[in-house]
Amino acid sequence: MFHSRIRRTAIAVAAAGALAVTSACGSGFDDGATTQQSSGPAALQVLIGSSGDAETKAVNDAAATWATATGNTATVTPAQDLSQQLGQAFAGDSPPDVFYVDASRFADYASVGALEPYGDKLANKGDFYDSLKQTFTFDGKFYCAPKDFSTLALQVNTDLWSKAGLTDADLPTTWEQLQATAEKIKAKGLTPLVVGDTRDRIGAFLVQAGGWLISTDGKQATADSPENLQALTYFQGLQKKGLAVFPKQVDAGWGGEAFGKGKAVMTIEGNWIKGAMANDFPNVKYTVHELPAGPKGKGTLSFTNCWGISAKSKFKDQAIKFVEAMTSVDQQLAYAKAFGVMPSLKTAKDGYAQQFPADGPFVTGADYAHGPVNAPKMDSVLSDFDTQLQKLATGDPKAVLERVQKNVAAALGS
């Protein structure tokens, strides 16, 4: 899941460009209502960004079950490059009926009218976690059903923890405790914490301080705030004292690799780390905990996709029924077992916890998780922010935030 997430992000610019061209050329998505098929079976085309064979098989099986029960057909196609293929399909005016939409791309699609805003028509609309619903809300409309989600948590290498002379009493639950524990670890000659060098990891500290880059309604830049400054200053302090490092500083490609190789006692990663640890580092023992709370309380980040429905689909009613089937409690628990995702429904929480008790901290994080920046045309802005974060140890946090504020405001046109 981790690697497919990176792959989808890397190609996203192509899709955004294709959408922009489509919109600019006037062939867009608001040219009038699409004629809906009034009778007969629907033939849904479903495009997914699969994490692997297990996910592809699970979605195919679920789609076949739905089709048999309803008398419709649903052809599932796993994309090679989801964002690129979606962009090309929209530009060619031939989008699939149903498709995965990554949260980081959602606003780009919604802003040009590519998506049908069907969220409030779902029978189970009230059962999704509020934070996930907010992620897929644009201009006050709940657009699409969250498919599943991941959150960040704190992973602790139990052998290295003991080697540092630590016990459960040292598990950090606040920023102050995180620093104190990290100092104890460093005193033993070990690297305390490895954290990914982008906003997809460091952004959790912003949330814990009560900050973020953009207002909840997606209209105002909020990067240059005292809360965000407090967060970046705190993290920079960890870096300067050698308490927190980036993966590349310990010759690793990402936090999970550094953690698995024993190059740090702790890391901050999502629940996709489970598969990587099982496959690549099966002998490493570790525990998972909620992220330490900041000045404004607990905070983490969520990563999710929704089931998008094309505004051009001829089968919107059937597509909504399909999505309801794909997001039922039983189906989401089946997906969780098949390929390791967490259900987006609150009523599936207990069932998931029973099946995967060690994942409790990830699930609990849904109650206070923050989604990605929810506004279009943010690719270059966020890439620049990542570049600034990678130089944060020797940089000026205030200058970083002023730069992001200016760039976000420009992208928003404010």
Protein backbone atom coordinates (compact mmCIF):
# COMPACT_ATOMS: atom_id res chain seq x y z
CA MET A 1 0.00 0.00 0.00
CA PHE A 2 2.81 2.38 0.85
CA HIS A 3 4.53 1.98 -2.48
CA SER A 4 1.32 2.18 -4.52
CA ARG A 5 0.40 5.37 -2.64
CA ILE A 6 3.72 6.95 -3.62
CA ARG A 7 3.27 5.81 -7.23
CA ARG A 8 -0.20 7.33 -7.46
CA THR A 9 1.03 10.60 -6.00
CA ALA A 10 3.95 10.81 -8.40
CA ILE A 11 1.72 10.70 -11.48
CA ALA A 12 -0.99 12.98 -10.15
CA VAL A 13 0.26 16.10 -11.90
CA ALA A 14 -0.52 14.56 -15.29
CA ALA A 15 -4.12 13.98 -14.28
CA ALA A 16 -4.53 17.48 -12.92
CA GLY A 17 -3.16 18.85 -16.15
CA ALA A 18 -5.57 16.79 -18.21
CA LEU A 19 -8.49 18.00 -16.13
CA ALA A 20 -7.36 21.60 -16.45
CA VAL A 21 -7.15 21.28 -20.23
CA THR A 22 -10.59 19.68 -20.39
CA SER A 23 -12.11 22.45 -18.32
CA ALA A 24 -10.33 25.20 -20.20
CA CYS A 25 -11.42 23.88 -23.58
CA GLY A 26 -15.05 24.21 -22.60
CA SER A 27 -15.83 20.54 -23.06
CA GLY A 28 -16.10 20.30 -19.25
CA PHE A 29 -18.58 18.59 -17.04
CA ASP A 30 -21.37 21.09 -16.52
CA ASP A 31 -22.63 21.29 -20.10
CA GLY A 32 -26.01 19.84 -19.22
CA ALA A 33 -27.51 16.76 -17.64
CA THR A 34 -26.45 13.36 -18.92
CA THR A 35 -29.32 11.22 -20.18
CA GLN A 36 -29.93 8.49 -17.64
CA GLN A 37 -30.83 4.98 -18.68
CA SER A 38 -34.42 4.54 -17.56
CA SER A 39 -34.78 0.77 -17.90
CA GLY A 40 -32.83 -2.42 -18.35
CA PRO A 41 -29.66 -3.54 -16.61
CA ALA A 42 -26.79 -1.14 -16.03
CA ALA A 43 -23.30 -1.92 -17.30
CA LEU A 44 -20.96 -0.21 -14.87
CA GLN A 45 -17.32 0.39 -15.71
CA VAL A 46 -15.25 0.50 -12.50
CA LEU A 47 -11.63 1.73 -12.44
CA ILE A 48 -9.55 1.07 -9.32
CA GLY A 49 -6.02 1.87 -8.18
CA SER A 50 -5.19 -1.51 -6.75
CA SER A 51 -2.50 -2.11 -4.16
CA GLY A 52 -1.97 -5.62 -5.54
CA ASP A 53 -3.55 -8.91 -6.53
CA ALA A 54 -5.36 -9.30 -3.20
CA GLU A 55 -7.24 -6.02 -3.60
CA THR A 56 -8.03 -6.66 -7.25
CA LYS A 57 -9.51 -10.06 -6.46
CA ALA A 58 -11.50 -8.74 -3.49
CA VAL A 59 -13.09 -5.92 -5.49
CA ASN A 60 -13.79 -8.22 -8.44
CA ASP A 61 -15.48 -10.73 -6.16
CA ALA A 62 -17.57 -8.05 -4.45
CA ALA A 63 -18.60 -6.52 -7.78
CA ALA A 64 -19.60 -9.92 -9.15
CA THR A 65 -21.72 -10.62 -6.06
CA TRP A 66 -23.49 -7.27 -6.43
CA ALA A 67 -24.04 -7.78 -10.16
CA THR A 68 -25.56 -11.24 -9.64
CA ALA A 69 -27.88 -9.95 -6.92
CA THR A 70 -29.09 -6.94 -8.91
CA GLY A 71 -29.10 -8.14 -12.51
CA ASN A 72 -26.54 -5.53 -13.55
CA THR A 73 -22.95 -5.92 -14.69
CA ALA A 74 -19.86 -4.33 -13.20
CA THR A 75 -16.54 -4.61 -15.02
CA VAL A 76 -13.61 -3.87 -12.70
CA THR A 77 -10.34 -2.69 -14.25
CA PRO A 78 -7.20 -2.24 -12.12
CA ALA A 79 -5.36 0.80 -13.45
CA GLN A 80 -1.67 0.82 -14.20
CA ASP A 81 -1.56 4.54 -13.37
CA LEU A 82 -4.90 5.55 -11.88
CA SER A 83 -4.56 9.33 -11.94
CA GLN A 84 -3.11 9.36 -15.44
CA GLN A 85 -5.79 7.06 -16.82
CA LEU A 86 -8.57 9.04 -15.16
CA GLY A 87 -7.18 12.28 -16.55
CA GLN A 88 -7.07 10.81 -20.04
CA ALA A 89 -10.59 9.39 -19.70
CA PHE A 90 -12.00 12.74 -18.61
CA ALA A 91 -10.15 14.58 -21.35
CA GLY A 92 -11.54 12.10 -23.89
CA ASP A 93 -15.06 12.49 -22.47
CA SER A 94 -15.23 8.76 -21.69
CA PRO A 95 -14.79 8.41 -17.93
CA PRO A 96 -15.63 5.19 -16.08
CA ASP A 97 -18.86 5.19 -14.10
CA VAL A 98 -17.20 4.47 -10.74
CA PHE A 99 -13.56 4.97 -9.77
CA TYR A 100 -11.20 5.45 -6.86
CA VAL A 101 -10.43 9.09 -6.03
CA ASP A 102 -7.42 9.78 -3.83
CA ALA A 103 -8.11 12.41 -1.17
CA SER A 104 -5.17 14.49 -2.36
CA ARG A 105 -6.72 14.66 -5.87
CA PHE A 106 -10.36 15.04 -4.87
CA ALA A 107 -10.61 18.83 -4.97
CA ASP A 108 -9.07 18.96 -8.45
CA TYR A 109 -11.79 16.65 -9.79
CA ALA A 110 -14.65 18.24 -7.84
CA SER A 111 -13.68 21.80 -8.80
CA VAL A 112 -14.14 21.12 -12.53
CA GLY A 113 -17.43 19.26 -12.18
CA ALA A 114 -16.04 15.81 -12.97
CA LEU A 115 -17.68 14.18 -9.94
CA GLU A 116 -21.32 13.54 -9.16
CA PRO A 117 -22.02 14.92 -5.64
CA TYR A 118 -23.99 11.90 -4.47
CA GLY A 119 -22.86 11.64 -0.84
CA ASP A 120 -26.09 12.83 0.74
CA LYS A 121 -28.07 10.24 -1.25
CA LEU A 122 -26.32 7.32 0.45
CA ALA A 123 -28.40 5.28 2.86
CA ASN A 124 -25.34 4.95 5.11
CA LYS A 125 -24.18 8.58 4.83
CA GLY A 126 -24.37 9.14 8.59
CA ASP A 127 -22.14 6.17 9.39
CA PHE A 128 -18.89 7.47 7.91
CA TYR A 129 -16.31 9.04 10.21
CA ASP A 130 -16.81 12.81 10.24
CA SER A 131 -13.16 13.48 9.41
CA LEU A 132 -13.45 11.32 6.29
CA LYS A 133 -16.70 12.98 5.20
CA GLN A 134 -15.02 16.36 5.57
CA THR A 135 -12.16 15.18 3.37
CA PHE A 136 -14.63 14.52 0.54
CA THR A 137 -16.70 17.67 0.99
CA PHE A 138 -16.23 20.52 -1.47
CA ASP A 139 -18.16 23.81 -1.53
CA GLY A 140 -20.39 22.44 1.21
CA LYS A 141 -21.35 19.28 -0.70
CA PHE A 142 -20.52 15.74 0.48
CA TYR A 143 -19.43 14.23 -2.82
CA CYS A 144 -18.43 10.61 -2.42
CA ALA A 145 -18.27 7.68 0.00
CA PRO A 146 -14.91 7.15 1.73
CA LYS A 147 -13.70 3.71 0.65
CA ASP A 148 -11.44 2.99 3.63
CA PHE A 149 -8.63 4.85 5.38
CA SER A 150 -5.23 4.84 7.05
CA THR A 151 -3.88 6.95 9.90
CA LEU A 152 -0.47 7.63 11.39
CA ALA A 153 0.63 6.15 14.71
CA LEU A 154 3.83 5.67 16.71
CA GLN A 155 5.74 2.41 16.27
CA VAL A 156 8.20 1.26 18.96
CA ASN A 157 10.90 -1.41 18.48
CA THR A 158 10.50 -3.44 21.67
CA ASP A 159 14.01 -4.92 21.72
CA LEU A 160 15.69 -1.54 21.25
CA TRP A 161 13.29 -0.03 23.77
CA SER A 162 14.48 -2.52 26.38
CA LYS A 163 18.10 -2.01 25.31
CA ALA A 164 17.66 1.68 26.11
CA GLY A 165 16.48 0.73 29.58
CA LEU A 166 12.92 1.90 28.99
CA THR A 167 9.62 0.46 30.23
CA ASP A 168 5.94 1.02 29.46
CA ALA A 169 6.08 3.99 31.80
CA ASP A 170 8.30 5.75 29.24
CA LEU A 171 5.82 5.44 26.36
CA PRO A 172 5.23 9.08 25.37
CA THR A 173 1.71 10.49 25.38
CA THR A 174 2.66 14.20 25.13
CA TRP A 175 5.26 16.27 23.30
CA GLU A 176 7.12 16.81 26.56
CA GLN A 177 7.26 13.09 27.22
CA LEU A 178 8.33 12.38 23.63
CA GLN A 179 11.31 14.67 24.02
CA ALA A 180 12.20 13.29 27.46
CA THR A 181 12.03 9.69 26.24
CA ALA A 182 14.01 10.54 23.11
CA GLU A 183 16.74 12.10 25.26
CA LYS A 184 16.99 8.89 27.32
CA ILE A 185 17.31 6.85 24.12
CA LYS A 186 19.98 9.12 22.66
CA ALA A 187 21.94 8.91 25.91
CA LYS A 188 22.20 5.16 25.27
CA GLY A 189 23.77 5.76 21.85
CA LEU A 190 20.63 4.95 19.84
CA THR A 191 18.69 7.06 17.33
CA PRO A 192 15.34 7.86 19.00
CA LEU A 193 12.95 8.73 16.16
CA VAL A 194 12.88 8.59 12.37
CA VAL A 195 10.16 10.60 10.60
CA GLY A 196 9.41 11.02 6.88
CA ASP A 197 10.52 14.40 5.54
CA THR A 198 7.20 15.63 4.08
CA ARG A 199 3.96 17.21 5.27
CA ASP A 200 2.41 13.72 5.16
CA ARG A 201 4.30 12.98 8.39
CA ILE A 202 5.39 16.30 9.91
CA GLY A 203 1.90 17.65 9.28
CA ALA A 204 0.69 15.60 12.24
CA PHE A 205 2.59 17.96 14.53
CA LEU A 206 0.69 20.90 13.01
CA VAL A 207 -2.61 19.23 13.86
CA GLN A 208 -1.47 18.45 17.41
CA ALA A 209 -0.68 22.14 17.89
CA GLY A 210 -4.12 23.13 16.59
CA GLY A 211 -2.91 24.35 13.22
CA TRP A 212 -3.19 23.48 9.53
CA LEU A 213 -2.39 25.01 6.14
CA ILE A 214 -5.92 25.87 5.04
CA SER A 215 -9.24 26.66 6.69
CA THR A 216 -11.87 23.97 7.14
CA ASP A 217 -13.98 25.39 4.31
CA GLY A 218 -10.97 25.39 1.99
CA LYS A 219 -11.24 29.11 1.33
CA GLN A 220 -8.46 30.71 3.40
CA ALA A 221 -4.74 30.14 3.85
CA THR A 222 -3.92 29.50 7.52
CA ALA A 223 -0.27 28.42 7.28
CA ASP A 224 1.33 31.43 8.97
CA SER A 225 -0.17 30.91 12.41
CA PRO A 226 1.21 30.74 15.97
CA GLU A 227 0.05 27.13 16.19
CA ASN A 228 1.96 26.03 13.11
CA LEU A 229 5.01 27.98 14.25
CA GLN A 230 4.92 26.22 17.60
CA ALA A 231 4.76 22.85 15.83
CA LEU A 232 7.64 23.45 13.43
CA THR A 233 9.75 25.00 16.19
CA TYR A 234 9.19 21.95 18.37
CA PHE A 235 10.07 19.52 15.58
CA GLN A 236 13.12 21.56 14.63
CA GLY A 237 14.22 21.35 18.26
CA LEU A 238 14.07 17.56 18.10
CA GLN A 239 16.18 17.64 14.94
CA LYS A 240 18.81 19.99 16.33
CA LYS A 241 19.30 17.75 19.37
CA GLY A 242 19.57 14.62 17.23
CA LEU A 243 16.34 13.25 18.67
CA ALA A 244 14.55 13.06 15.31
CA VAL A 245 16.07 12.28 11.90
CA PHE A 246 14.83 11.87 8.37
CA PRO A 247 15.12 8.44 6.67
CA LYS A 248 17.84 9.58 4.28
CA GLN A 249 20.01 10.56 7.25
CA VAL A 250 20.19 6.87 8.21
CA ASP A 251 20.46 5.60 4.63
CA ALA A 252 16.82 4.50 4.34
CA GLY A 253 14.16 5.18 1.73
CA TRP A 254 11.28 5.68 4.19
CA GLY A 255 10.52 5.47 7.89
CA GLY A 256 9.43 1.85 7.78
CA GLU A 257 12.71 0.74 6.24
CA ALA A 258 14.78 2.63 8.80
CA PHE A 259 12.64 1.22 11.60
CA GLY A 260 12.79 -2.33 10.27
CA LYS A 261 16.57 -2.18 9.97
CA GLY A 262 16.86 -1.08 13.59
CA LYS A 263 18.24 2.34 12.71
CA ALA A 264 15.79 4.08 15.05
CA VAL A 265 13.86 3.02 18.14
CA MET A 266 10.64 4.77 17.04
CA THR A 267 8.98 5.87 13.83
CA ILE A 268 5.73 7.52 12.76
CA GLU A 269 4.00 5.63 9.96
CA GLY A 270 0.57 4.47 8.83
CA ASN A 271 -0.96 1.02 9.10
CA TRP A 272 0.61 0.11 5.74
CA ILE A 273 3.77 -0.52 7.78
CA LYS A 274 2.24 -3.84 8.87
CA GLY A 275 2.69 -5.43 5.47
CA ALA A 276 6.18 -4.03 5.00
CA MET A 277 7.31 -5.31 8.39
CA ALA A 278 5.78 -8.74 7.83
CA ASN A 279 7.35 -9.07 4.38
CA ASP A 280 10.73 -7.41 4.86
CA PHE A 281 11.46 -7.57 8.60
CA PRO A 282 9.41 -10.48 9.99
CA ASN A 283 11.67 -10.96 13.03
CA VAL A 284 11.41 -7.38 14.31
CA LYS A 285 9.12 -7.08 17.32
CA TYR A 286 7.27 -3.82 17.71
CA THR A 287 4.21 -2.23 19.27
CA VAL A 288 1.89 0.51 17.98
CA HIS A 289 0.65 3.49 19.99
CA GLU A 290 -1.34 6.67 19.40
CA LEU A 291 0.79 9.69 18.53
CA PRO A 292 1.78 11.88 21.49
CA ALA A 293 -0.63 14.74 22.05
CA GLY A 294 0.43 18.31 21.40
CA PRO A 295 -0.58 21.61 23.03
CA LYS A 296 -4.10 21.34 21.59
CA GLY A 297 -4.53 17.61 22.16
CA LYS A 298 -4.30 14.49 20.06
CA GLY A 299 -3.80 14.73 16.32
CA THR A 300 -2.93 12.53 13.38
CA LEU A 301 -3.32 12.49 9.61
CA SER A 302 -5.67 10.35 7.55
CA PHE A 303 -5.11 8.99 4.05
CA THR A 304 -8.11 7.78 2.12
CA ASN A 305 -9.84 7.25 -1.21
CA CYS A 306 -13.49 7.63 -2.08
CA TRP A 307 -15.70 5.83 -4.56
CA GLY A 308 -16.12 8.55 -7.16
CA ILE A 309 -19.06 8.52 -9.57
CA SER A 310 -18.66 10.34 -12.87
CA ALA A 311 -20.94 13.29 -13.50
CA LYS A 312 -21.21 11.89 -17.03
CA SER A 313 -22.35 8.39 -16.02
CA LYS A 314 -25.61 7.11 -17.52
CA PHE A 315 -26.10 4.84 -14.54
CA LYS A 316 -25.91 7.16 -11.54
CA ASP A 317 -28.69 5.51 -9.53
CA GLN A 318 -27.21 2.04 -10.02
CA ALA A 319 -23.73 3.38 -9.32
CA ILE A 320 -24.90 4.71 -5.94
CA LYS A 321 -26.34 1.29 -5.10
CA PHE A 322 -23.05 -0.27 -6.12
CA VAL A 323 -21.14 2.07 -3.80
CA GLU A 324 -23.54 1.29 -0.94
CA ALA A 325 -22.79 -2.40 -1.43
CA MET A 326 -19.03 -1.79 -1.56
CA THR A 327 -19.14 0.24 1.68
CA SER A 328 -21.44 -1.97 3.75
CA VAL A 329 -20.07 -3.12 7.12
CA ASP A 330 -19.67 -6.74 6.04
CA GLN A 331 -18.00 -5.80 2.77
CA GLN A 332 -15.58 -3.39 4.41
CA LEU A 333 -14.59 -6.02 6.98
CA ALA A 334 -14.05 -8.45 4.11
CA TYR A 335 -11.79 -5.90 2.41
CA ALA A 336 -9.91 -5.39 5.68
CA LYS A 337 -9.20 -9.09 5.92
CA ALA A 338 -8.29 -9.36 2.24
CA PHE A 339 -5.83 -6.48 1.87
CA GLY A 340 -5.33 -4.70 5.18
CA VAL A 341 -7.38 -1.50 4.96
CA MET A 342 -9.44 0.00 7.79
CA PRO A 343 -13.23 0.41 7.36
CA SER A 344 -14.55 3.95 6.91
CA LEU A 345 -17.78 3.18 8.81
CA LYS A 346 -18.08 3.86 12.53
CA THR A 347 -20.28 0.79 13.00
CA ALA A 348 -17.49 -1.41 11.58
CA LYS A 349 -15.01 -0.23 14.23
CA ASP A 350 -15.75 -2.92 16.83
CA GLY A 351 -15.71 -5.74 14.30
CA TYR A 352 -12.39 -4.54 12.94
CA ALA A 353 -10.91 -4.21 16.43
CA GLN A 354 -11.90 -7.80 17.18
CA GLN A 355 -10.20 -9.06 14.01
CA PHE A 356 -7.12 -6.87 14.36
CA PRO A 357 -6.65 -5.92 18.02
CA ALA A 358 -3.10 -4.65 17.50
CA ASP A 359 -4.44 -1.96 15.15
CA GLY A 360 -6.43 -0.20 17.86
CA PRO A 361 -4.30 2.98 17.86
CA PHE A 362 -4.75 3.40 14.09
CA VAL A 363 -8.55 3.04 14.33
CA THR A 364 -8.82 5.31 17.36
CA GLY A 365 -6.99 7.98 15.39
CA ALA A 366 -9.97 8.29 13.06
CA ASP A 367 -11.79 10.23 15.76
CA TYR A 368 -9.32 13.11 15.57
CA ALA A 369 -7.53 12.64 12.23
CA HIS A 370 -7.05 15.45 9.73
CA GLY A 371 -7.30 14.85 5.99
CA PRO A 372 -5.11 16.32 3.20
CA VAL A 373 -5.29 19.91 2.02
CA ASN A 374 -8.75 20.11 0.47
CA ALA A 375 -8.38 22.59 -2.38
CA PRO A 376 -7.51 22.39 -6.08
CA LYS A 377 -4.25 23.47 -7.72
CA MET A 378 -2.11 22.76 -4.66
CA ASP A 379 0.46 20.36 -6.15
CA SER A 380 3.30 22.82 -6.62
CA VAL A 381 2.48 24.59 -3.34
CA LEU A 382 2.70 21.41 -1.31
CA SER A 383 5.79 20.17 -3.15
CA ASP A 384 7.51 23.43 -2.28
CA PHE A 385 6.45 23.05 1.36
CA ASP A 386 8.00 19.58 1.41
CA THR A 387 11.23 21.04 0.06
CA GLN A 388 11.26 23.61 2.85
CA LEU A 389 10.58 20.94 5.48
CA GLN A 390 13.53 18.92 4.24
CA LYS A 391 15.76 21.90 5.11
CA LEU A 392 13.97 22.71 8.38
CA ALA A 393 16.81 21.67 10.71
CA THR A 394 18.87 24.65 9.58
CA GLY A 395 16.00 26.83 8.37
CA ASP A 396 13.70 29.48 9.81
CA PRO A 397 10.27 28.03 10.71
CA LYS A 398 8.64 31.45 10.54
CA ALA A 399 10.02 32.10 7.05
CA VAL A 400 8.87 28.65 5.92
CA LEU A 401 5.32 29.34 7.07
CA GLU A 402 5.24 32.82 5.54
CA ARG A 403 6.28 31.30 2.22
CA VAL A 404 3.60 28.60 2.41
CA GLN A 405 0.99 31.19 3.41
CA LYS A 406 1.79 33.28 0.34
CA ASN A 407 1.71 30.26 -1.99
CA VAL A 408 -1.53 28.79 -0.59
CA ALA A 409 -3.23 32.19 -0.79
CA ALA A 410 -2.11 32.60 -4.40
CA ALA A 411 -3.41 29.15 -5.34
CA LEU A 412 -6.74 29.97 -3.71
CA GLY A 413 -6.89 33.30 -5.52
CA SER A 414 -7.14 35.20 -2.24
